[in-house]
Protein backbone atom coordinates (compact mmCIF):
# COMPACT_ATOMS: atom_id res chain seq x y z
CA MET A 1 18.70 3.48 -16.62
CA SER A 2 16.53 1.14 -14.32
CA ILE A 3 15.60 3.36 -10.95
CA ARG A 4 15.12 1.21 -7.32
CA LEU A 5 11.82 3.47 -5.99
CA TYR A 6 11.08 3.67 -2.37
CA ALA A 7 10.21 0.57 -0.76
CA ASN A 8 9.92 0.55 3.13
CA ALA A 9 12.92 2.04 4.21
CA HIS A 10 11.36 2.85 7.09
CA VAL A 11 11.09 -0.65 9.07
CA ASP A 12 15.03 -0.81 8.58
CA PRO A 13 17.12 1.26 9.60
CA GLY A 14 19.92 -0.12 7.64
CA THR A 15 18.85 0.70 4.29
CA CYS A 16 19.00 3.17 2.12
CA ILE A 17 16.97 6.47 3.26
CA TYR A 18 16.23 7.51 -0.88
CA CYS A 19 15.30 3.80 -2.17
CA GLY A 20 15.35 2.03 0.42
CA GLN A 21 17.19 -0.87 -0.41
CA VAL A 22 20.59 -2.55 1.61
CA ASP A 23 23.27 -1.68 -0.39
CA THR A 24 26.93 -0.06 0.21
CA PHE A 25 26.92 3.19 1.16
CA THR A 26 28.73 6.14 0.29
CA ASP A 27 29.33 9.83 2.25
CA GLU A 28 26.47 12.05 1.49
CA HIS A 29 27.40 15.82 1.47
CA VAL A 30 24.22 17.50 2.84
CA PHE A 31 25.41 20.07 0.39
CA PRO A 32 27.15 19.53 -2.77
CA ALA A 33 30.80 19.42 -1.74
CA GLY A 34 31.32 20.60 -5.98
CA LEU A 35 29.02 23.79 -4.98
CA GLY A 36 31.52 24.64 -2.26
CA GLY A 37 30.04 22.09 0.62
CA ASP A 38 32.94 19.90 1.04
CA ASP A 39 33.01 20.12 5.22
CA ARG A 40 33.30 16.98 6.43
CA GLN A 41 31.12 17.86 9.41
CA TYR A 42 28.22 17.84 7.22
CA LEU A 43 27.89 14.28 5.70
CA LEU A 44 25.07 11.73 5.94
CA LYS A 45 27.06 8.78 6.81
CA ASN A 46 25.69 5.14 6.26
CA LEU A 47 22.77 6.37 4.99
CA VAL A 48 23.19 6.97 1.21
CA CYS A 49 23.39 4.27 -1.17
CA GLY A 50 26.33 4.19 -3.73
CA THR A 51 24.07 3.36 -6.36
CA CYS A 52 21.27 5.96 -5.85
CA ASN A 53 24.61 8.61 -5.16
CA THR A 54 26.53 7.81 -8.47
CA LYS A 55 23.29 7.03 -10.38
CA VAL A 56 20.91 9.42 -9.74
CA PHE A 57 22.37 11.86 -7.98
CA SER A 58 25.62 12.55 -9.57
CA PRO A 59 23.53 13.08 -12.87
CA LEU A 60 21.00 15.80 -11.34
CA GLU A 61 24.10 17.64 -9.70
CA LEU A 62 25.82 17.89 -12.88
CA GLN A 63 22.60 19.46 -14.55
CA LEU A 64 22.94 22.04 -11.60
CA MET A 65 26.35 22.59 -11.42
CA ARG A 66 27.79 22.96 -15.53
CA ASN A 67 24.60 23.43 -17.57
CA SER A 68 22.25 25.32 -15.99
CA PRO A 69 21.67 29.62 -15.24
CA PHE A 70 23.92 28.95 -11.71
CA ALA A 71 26.65 27.42 -13.91
CA LEU A 72 27.33 30.52 -15.08
CA ALA A 73 27.42 32.25 -11.39
CA ARG A 74 29.45 29.20 -10.06
CA LEU A 75 32.00 29.98 -12.87
CA TYR A 76 32.23 33.59 -12.21
CA GLN A 77 31.99 33.53 -8.52
CA GLN A 78 33.44 30.12 -7.70
CA PRO A 79 36.98 29.62 -8.62
CA THR A 80 37.47 26.14 -7.37
CA GLY A 81 34.80 23.46 -7.39
CA ARG A 82 35.36 20.11 -5.53
CA GLY A 83 38.76 19.79 -3.23
CA LYS A 84 40.60 21.34 -1.18
CA GLY A 85 44.35 22.67 -2.11
CA SER A 86 46.16 20.79 -4.37
CA LYS A 87 43.69 18.80 -5.22
CA ALA A 88 40.79 21.49 -5.77
CA GLN A 89 39.80 21.79 -9.30
CA PRO A 90 38.46 25.00 -11.64
CA PRO A 91 34.58 24.58 -11.80
CA GLU A 92 33.37 23.23 -15.85
CA PHE A 93 30.78 25.21 -17.59
CA THR A 94 29.17 22.83 -19.87
CA ALA A 95 27.08 24.70 -22.23
CA ASP A 96 25.77 23.40 -25.88
CA ARG A 97 26.92 25.63 -27.22
CA CYS A 98 29.29 29.16 -26.52
CA GLU A 99 30.28 31.01 -29.74
CA MET A 100 32.78 34.21 -29.85
CA THR A 101 32.36 36.61 -33.09
CA ASP A 102 35.48 39.15 -33.51
CA PRO A 103 34.20 42.55 -34.19
CA GLU A 104 36.94 43.32 -37.13
CA THR A 105 36.72 40.50 -38.79
CA GLY A 106 32.97 39.22 -38.01
CA ILE A 107 34.93 35.33 -37.80
CA VAL A 108 32.59 32.95 -35.17
CA SER A 109 34.59 30.60 -32.88
CA GLU A 110 33.60 28.32 -31.03
CA ALA A 111 34.88 29.06 -27.41
CA GLU A 112 34.62 28.04 -23.93
CA PHE A 113 34.67 30.65 -20.29
CA THR A 114 37.33 29.98 -18.19
CA THR A 115 37.29 30.46 -14.22
CA GLY A 116 36.56 34.21 -13.97
CA GLY A 117 34.15 34.29 -16.86
CA ALA A 118 36.99 35.43 -19.53
CA PRO A 119 36.34 33.67 -23.11
CA ARG A 120 38.66 31.64 -24.51
CA SER A 121 38.82 29.95 -27.99
CA LEU A 122 39.01 25.86 -28.67
CA PRO A 123 41.12 24.77 -31.10
CA GLN A 124 39.22 24.40 -34.58
CA ILE A 125 38.74 24.46 -38.81
CA GLN A 126 36.28 26.59 -40.44
CA VAL A 127 36.07 25.01 -44.27
CA PHE A 128 33.99 27.10 -47.05
CA GLY A 129 34.71 26.02 -50.27
CA ASN A 130 38.68 25.98 -50.85
CA GLU A 131 38.59 28.65 -47.74
CA PHE A 132 39.85 27.52 -44.07
CA HIS A 133 40.46 29.39 -40.99
CA LEU A 134 42.52 27.90 -38.08
CA SER A 135 42.19 28.99 -34.90
CA GLY A 136 42.74 28.17 -31.23
CA PRO A 137 43.82 29.09 -27.45
CA ASP A 138 47.67 28.28 -28.49
CA SER A 139 50.23 26.73 -30.96
CA GLU A 140 50.66 23.41 -28.54
CA ARG A 141 46.27 22.86 -28.38
CA ILE A 142 46.30 23.54 -31.92
CA GLU A 143 49.03 21.38 -33.07
CA GLY A 144 47.74 18.57 -30.90
CA PHE A 145 43.94 19.04 -32.43
CA LEU A 146 45.37 18.59 -35.65
CA ALA A 147 47.09 15.55 -34.93
CA GLY A 148 44.13 13.86 -33.72
CA LEU A 149 42.05 15.41 -36.23
CA GLY A 150 44.21 14.03 -38.81
CA THR A 151 43.63 10.21 -37.36
CA LEU A 152 39.85 10.50 -37.10
CA LEU A 153 39.59 11.29 -40.44
CA GLY A 154 41.15 8.14 -42.01
CA ASP A 155 39.93 5.83 -44.25
CA THR A 156 36.64 5.27 -42.16
CA VAL A 157 34.78 8.05 -39.69
CA ASN A 158 32.41 7.28 -37.70
CA VAL A 159 29.59 10.25 -37.15
CA ILE A 160 28.25 10.09 -34.03
CA ARG A 161 24.48 12.31 -32.99
CA LYS A 162 23.27 12.41 -29.36
CA VAL A 163 19.49 11.90 -29.42
CA ARG A 164 17.36 12.86 -26.84
CA ALA A 165 13.95 11.34 -25.56
CA ASP A 166 12.61 12.83 -22.70
CA GLU A 167 15.46 11.51 -20.13
CA THR A 168 17.19 9.43 -22.28
CA VAL A 169 19.84 9.33 -24.14
CA SER A 170 20.87 7.01 -27.77
CA PHE A 171 23.50 7.36 -30.13
CA GLU A 172 22.98 7.05 -33.71
CA VAL A 173 26.31 6.51 -35.15
CA THR A 174 26.72 7.19 -39.19
CA THR A 175 29.66 5.47 -40.79
CA TYR A 176 31.55 7.23 -43.98
CA ASP A 177 34.39 5.52 -45.70
CA TRP A 178 36.99 7.34 -48.13
CA GLU A 179 37.17 6.40 -51.84
CA GLN A 180 38.27 8.20 -54.92
CA ASP A 181 39.02 11.26 -52.52
CA ILE A 182 35.95 11.85 -50.94
CA TYR A 183 33.77 10.52 -48.30
CA LEU A 184 30.73 8.46 -48.98
CA ARG A 185 28.12 6.72 -46.73
CA SER A 186 28.70 3.41 -45.81
CA GLY A 187 25.93 2.61 -43.25
CA ALA A 188 24.70 3.81 -40.06
CA SER A 189 23.30 2.26 -36.50
CA GLY A 190 21.47 2.93 -33.07
CA GLU A 191 23.74 2.73 -30.81
CA PRO A 192 23.83 2.36 -26.41
CA LYS A 193 27.06 3.79 -26.02
CA PRO A 194 29.45 6.36 -28.37
CA PRO A 195 32.01 4.84 -30.48
CA ASN A 196 35.29 6.91 -30.78
CA GLY A 197 34.51 9.12 -33.46
CA ILE A 198 33.71 12.86 -34.26
CA TRP A 199 30.16 14.62 -33.00
CA LEU A 200 27.48 16.19 -34.93
CA GLU A 201 25.79 19.14 -34.14
CA ALA A 202 23.61 21.82 -36.16
CA LEU A 203 25.42 24.81 -37.11
CA ALA A 204 21.75 26.79 -36.83
CA GLY A 205 21.13 28.51 -33.91
CA SER A 206 17.90 28.89 -32.22
CA ASP A 207 16.48 30.95 -34.84
CA GLY A 208 17.08 28.25 -37.79
CA GLN A 209 19.92 30.44 -38.93
CA ALA A 210 23.59 29.78 -39.58
CA VAL A 211 25.80 30.87 -36.91
CA GLY A 212 29.42 30.87 -39.03
CA TRP A 213 31.09 28.82 -41.34
CA PRO A 214 31.25 25.12 -41.12
CA ARG A 215 33.49 24.28 -38.63
CA LEU A 216 34.64 21.26 -36.79
CA PHE A 217 36.38 22.04 -32.92
CA GLN A 218 37.60 20.01 -30.20
CA ARG A 219 36.00 20.44 -26.57
CA SER A 220 38.42 20.69 -23.61
CA ARG A 221 36.98 17.08 -22.88
CA GLY A 222 38.43 16.03 -25.65
CA GLN A 223 35.73 15.11 -28.01
CA TYR A 224 36.04 16.83 -31.34
CA VAL A 225 32.52 17.96 -33.31
CA ALA A 226 31.31 19.35 -36.59
CA ARG A 227 28.96 21.82 -36.86
CA VAL A 228 27.51 22.01 -40.59
CA VAL A 229 24.38 23.16 -42.10
CA ARG A 230 22.06 19.96 -43.39
CA GLU A 231 23.31 16.76 -41.95
CA ASP A 232 23.19 15.80 -45.90
CA ASP A 233 26.31 18.42 -45.86
CA THR A 234 28.30 16.15 -43.64
CA ALA A 235 30.48 14.16 -46.03
CA LEU A 236 31.47 16.96 -48.01
CA PHE A 237 32.73 18.74 -44.79
CA LEU A 238 34.37 16.08 -44.08
CA ALA A 239 36.66 15.58 -47.20
CA GLN A 240 36.57 19.40 -47.57
CA THR A 241 38.46 19.26 -43.89
CA ARG A 242 40.88 16.03 -44.82
CA LYS A 243 42.20 17.99 -47.49
CA ALA A 244 42.57 21.54 -45.85
CA LEU A 245 44.97 19.05 -43.46
CA SER A 246 46.93 18.03 -46.13
CA THR A 247 47.25 21.31 -47.36
CA LEU A 248 48.22 22.75 -43.36
CA GLN A 249 51.18 19.65 -43.63
CA ASN A 250 53.88 21.97 -45.18
CA VAL A 251 52.40 25.73 -43.11
CA LYS A 252 53.69 27.07 -40.57
CA LEU A 253 51.03 27.80 -37.84
CA PRO A 254 50.57 31.39 -37.01
CA GLY A 255 51.15 32.50 -33.77
CA PRO A 256 48.14 32.99 -31.27
CA THR A 257 46.10 36.66 -32.05
CA ALA A 258 44.27 38.75 -29.47
CA ILE A 259 40.90 39.70 -29.70
CA ASN A 260 39.79 42.75 -28.67
CA ARG A 261 35.87 43.38 -26.73
CA PRO A 262 34.66 39.59 -28.39
CA SER A 263 31.00 39.43 -28.62
CA ILE A 264 29.60 36.75 -26.98
CA HIS A 265 26.56 34.19 -27.29
CA VAL A 266 25.81 31.25 -25.14
CA GLY A 267 22.94 28.43 -25.69
CA MET A 268 21.78 26.48 -22.70
CA ALA A 269 19.23 23.42 -23.04
CA VAL A 270 18.47 23.68 -19.22
CA LEU A 271 16.36 20.55 -17.88
CA TYR A 272 15.17 22.43 -15.19
CA GLN A 273 13.38 19.57 -13.42
CA GLN A 274 16.58 18.22 -13.24
CA VAL A 275 17.72 21.02 -11.70
CA PHE A 276 15.02 21.48 -8.97
CA ARG A 277 15.29 18.18 -8.28
CA ALA A 278 19.17 18.24 -7.21
CA MET A 279 17.91 21.17 -5.59
CA ALA A 280 15.23 19.28 -3.64
CA LYS A 281 17.85 16.71 -2.81
CA ILE A 282 19.68 18.90 -1.33
CA GLY A 283 16.41 20.12 1.57
CA MET A 284 15.94 16.01 1.59
CA ASN A 285 19.41 16.16 2.85
CA PHE A 286 19.37 18.61 5.08
CA ALA A 287 15.97 17.68 6.40
CA CYS A 288 17.61 14.26 7.57
CA TYR A 289 20.72 15.82 9.11
CA GLU A 290 18.07 18.17 11.01
CA TYR A 291 15.60 16.28 12.17
CA GLY A 292 17.28 12.37 11.83
CA ALA A 293 16.56 9.30 9.06
CA GLU A 294 13.79 8.10 10.82
CA VAL A 295 11.89 11.05 10.39
CA VAL A 296 12.93 11.18 6.39
CA ARG A 297 12.59 7.26 6.28
CA SER A 298 8.71 7.88 6.90
CA HIS A 299 6.16 7.70 4.39
CA SER A 300 5.44 11.61 4.48
CA PHE A 301 8.00 12.02 2.53
CA ASP A 302 7.22 9.18 -0.01
CA HIS A 303 6.05 12.03 -2.55
CA ILE A 304 9.12 13.69 -2.47
CA ARG A 305 11.31 11.08 -2.65
CA ASN A 306 10.22 9.31 -5.72
CA ILE A 307 10.12 12.74 -7.60
CA ILE A 308 14.06 13.27 -6.83
CA LEU A 309 14.45 9.51 -7.66
CA THR A 310 12.64 8.92 -11.11
CA GLY A 311 11.25 12.74 -12.18
CA SER A 312 8.01 11.11 -12.73
CA GLU A 313 6.30 14.30 -11.94
CA ALA A 314 7.02 17.75 -11.48
CA VAL A 315 8.97 18.70 -8.08
CA PRO A 316 6.54 20.50 -6.20
CA LEU A 317 6.85 24.74 -5.75
CA THR A 318 5.73 26.52 -3.25
CA THR A 319 5.68 30.19 -2.34
CA MET A 320 7.08 32.43 0.56
CA SER A 321 6.15 35.17 2.23
CA ASP A 322 7.90 39.15 1.15
CA GLN A 323 9.17 39.31 4.15
CA MET A 324 11.35 35.96 4.22
CA GLN A 325 12.59 36.74 0.33
CA GLN A 326 12.76 40.43 1.81
CA MET A 327 14.85 39.08 4.99
CA PHE A 328 17.43 36.69 2.54
CA GLN A 329 18.13 39.37 -0.11
CA ARG A 330 20.15 41.34 2.50
CA GLU A 331 22.12 38.73 2.77
CA ALA A 332 25.54 40.13 0.74
CA ARG A 333 27.81 37.63 1.78
CA GLN A 334 29.53 35.05 -0.43
CA VAL A 335 27.40 32.17 0.57
CA HIS A 336 24.72 29.74 -0.12
CA LEU A 337 21.52 29.89 1.93
CA GLY A 338 19.35 26.51 2.78
CA LEU A 339 15.91 27.33 5.04
CA LEU A 340 13.99 24.57 6.46
CA TYR A 341 10.86 25.82 7.77
CA PRO A 342 8.61 23.71 9.02
CA VAL A 343 4.46 24.42 9.63
CA ALA A 344 2.14 23.63 12.16
CA VAL A 345 -0.61 21.30 10.30
CA GLY A 346 -3.40 20.20 13.25
CA GLU A 347 -1.72 19.06 16.59
CA SER A 348 0.69 16.86 15.77
CA SER A 349 2.26 17.10 12.05
CA HIS A 350 4.15 19.64 10.04
CA SER A 351 4.11 20.68 6.26
CA VAL A 352 7.66 21.39 5.84
CA ILE A 353 9.88 23.97 3.28
CA PHE A 354 12.72 24.16 2.06
CA LEU A 355 14.22 27.17 0.31
CA ILE A 356 17.42 27.68 -0.92
CA ARG A 357 19.26 30.74 -2.77
CA LEU A 358 22.72 30.02 -4.83
CA TYR A 359 24.99 32.60 -5.58
CA GLY A 360 23.30 35.92 -4.12
CA GLY A 361 20.13 34.87 -6.72
CA GLY A 362 16.48 34.42 -6.30
CA MET A 363 15.05 32.27 -3.82
CA HIS A 364 13.45 28.84 -4.45
CA ALA A 365 11.03 26.84 -2.65
CA PHE A 366 10.13 23.70 -2.46
CA LEU A 367 7.33 21.77 -0.71
CA LEU A 368 9.24 18.24 1.43
CA THR A 369 6.44 17.32 2.53
CA GLU A 370 2.99 18.11 3.95
CA ASP A 371 2.13 15.75 6.94
CA ALA A 372 5.32 14.76 8.89
CA LEU A 373 5.65 13.99 12.02
CA LEU A 374 8.51 15.95 13.73
CA PRO A 375 10.80 16.24 16.42
CA PRO A 376 9.03 18.22 19.47
CA ALA A 377 9.89 21.61 19.51
CA CYS A 378 11.50 21.43 16.32
CA SER A 379 12.15 25.00 14.62
CA PRO A 380 13.12 26.85 11.26
CA ALA A 381 17.07 26.24 10.66
CA VAL A 382 19.10 27.84 8.34
CA LEU A 383 22.53 26.46 6.43
CA VAL A 384 25.17 28.78 5.62
CA VAL A 385 27.42 27.52 3.31
CA TYR A 386 30.48 29.63 2.92
CA TYR A 387 31.53 27.58 -1.05
CA LEU A 388 34.75 29.75 -1.28
CA GLU A 389 36.04 28.38 2.04
CA HIS A 390 34.42 24.35 1.85
CA ARG A 391 32.84 25.64 5.28
CA VAL A 392 29.05 24.84 6.29
CA GLU A 393 27.09 26.27 9.22
CA ARG A 394 23.91 25.98 10.88
CA HIS A 395 21.69 28.15 12.61
CA THR A 396 18.51 28.51 14.03
CA LEU A 397 16.25 30.95 11.85
CA LYS A 398 16.21 33.37 14.74
CA ASP A 399 20.12 33.41 15.47
CA TYR A 400 20.43 33.73 11.76
CA VAL A 401 17.80 37.15 11.50
CA HIS A 402 19.32 38.26 14.72
CA SER A 403 22.87 38.54 13.00
CA MET A 404 21.90 40.37 10.24
CA LEU A 405 20.14 43.12 11.66
CA HIS A 406 22.67 43.79 13.62
CA SER A 407 25.79 43.27 11.26
């Protein structure tokens, strides 16, 4: 993916405040809608282009909202993501792996977290030699899973493996053909986009040890995933699974059974710099809302702007005073907090620090600029985001502190 760098946007007020290009604008929420900031009074209009919004910011926000420690908090504390009323959707959590162990049988199953943090088994089949185990959340989803799997395990199967290099992704596709009751590897290629097929992931956990039986399961978004001990085991596992499906055609499916007090293991490969870039972008949006587009278009914001766009280097973190940290820790409401804090540098310029606290967790502080020319008499400002109501409020720091001390 190519990223457009900022190019003298401060000269032309009709350009995107991030990439500096003339493009179709889209409304940009000051605070992400999916985090509870879907408040129409806090929008940047005709300031952020659709290219930056969809190709850069959306993937960054997905990392923050679905595959980070904040994603777990979101799942437990925020019943709906973006949208209101009938359009509201539950939040999603896309960990690399989520496994549930039955304490009575020791069987390890692929699982997912639902809204409120409740675990639920995914539809799956586990195969070990001539034995197999079928499970899922309900009979309907198991039947749908088996029907789709029967189609995928045809005479030719595409097995897809995602390959990460830095922040780019490609796909290795291996083809297997069914011949004389076994699958034989017939080809392999690298593809920029994945074809229809079965995704391949490791059965081993972070310690290198296999977690449960080899299995094939279906994620909520529809992808079929196989976990095997070694990649060389793939052909045999697919053949065993296809034979198990033939056996199941004449067997009545069992009814659902509950697992009492399961143990849950969650694995996430968190891309922290992408998460921090998403947070710094919230700070830039807040600065634009607070100080105006002309200020954030200036060269003083070029450094953080290009980091947000490209990830060319680490997002600059900074520290905060113990007093400031203790003050925000007093906040007990179900809100997010964002603080824009200008600090005078010399006679005319300011450094600007952005502090953010999500779901009542710890504070993160980012240095947005060291030499901005801000409007006269600017003062620290606080965003309070009521994420259960999709309502945003802006306060001066002085007023916010006063309300906290007298609440």
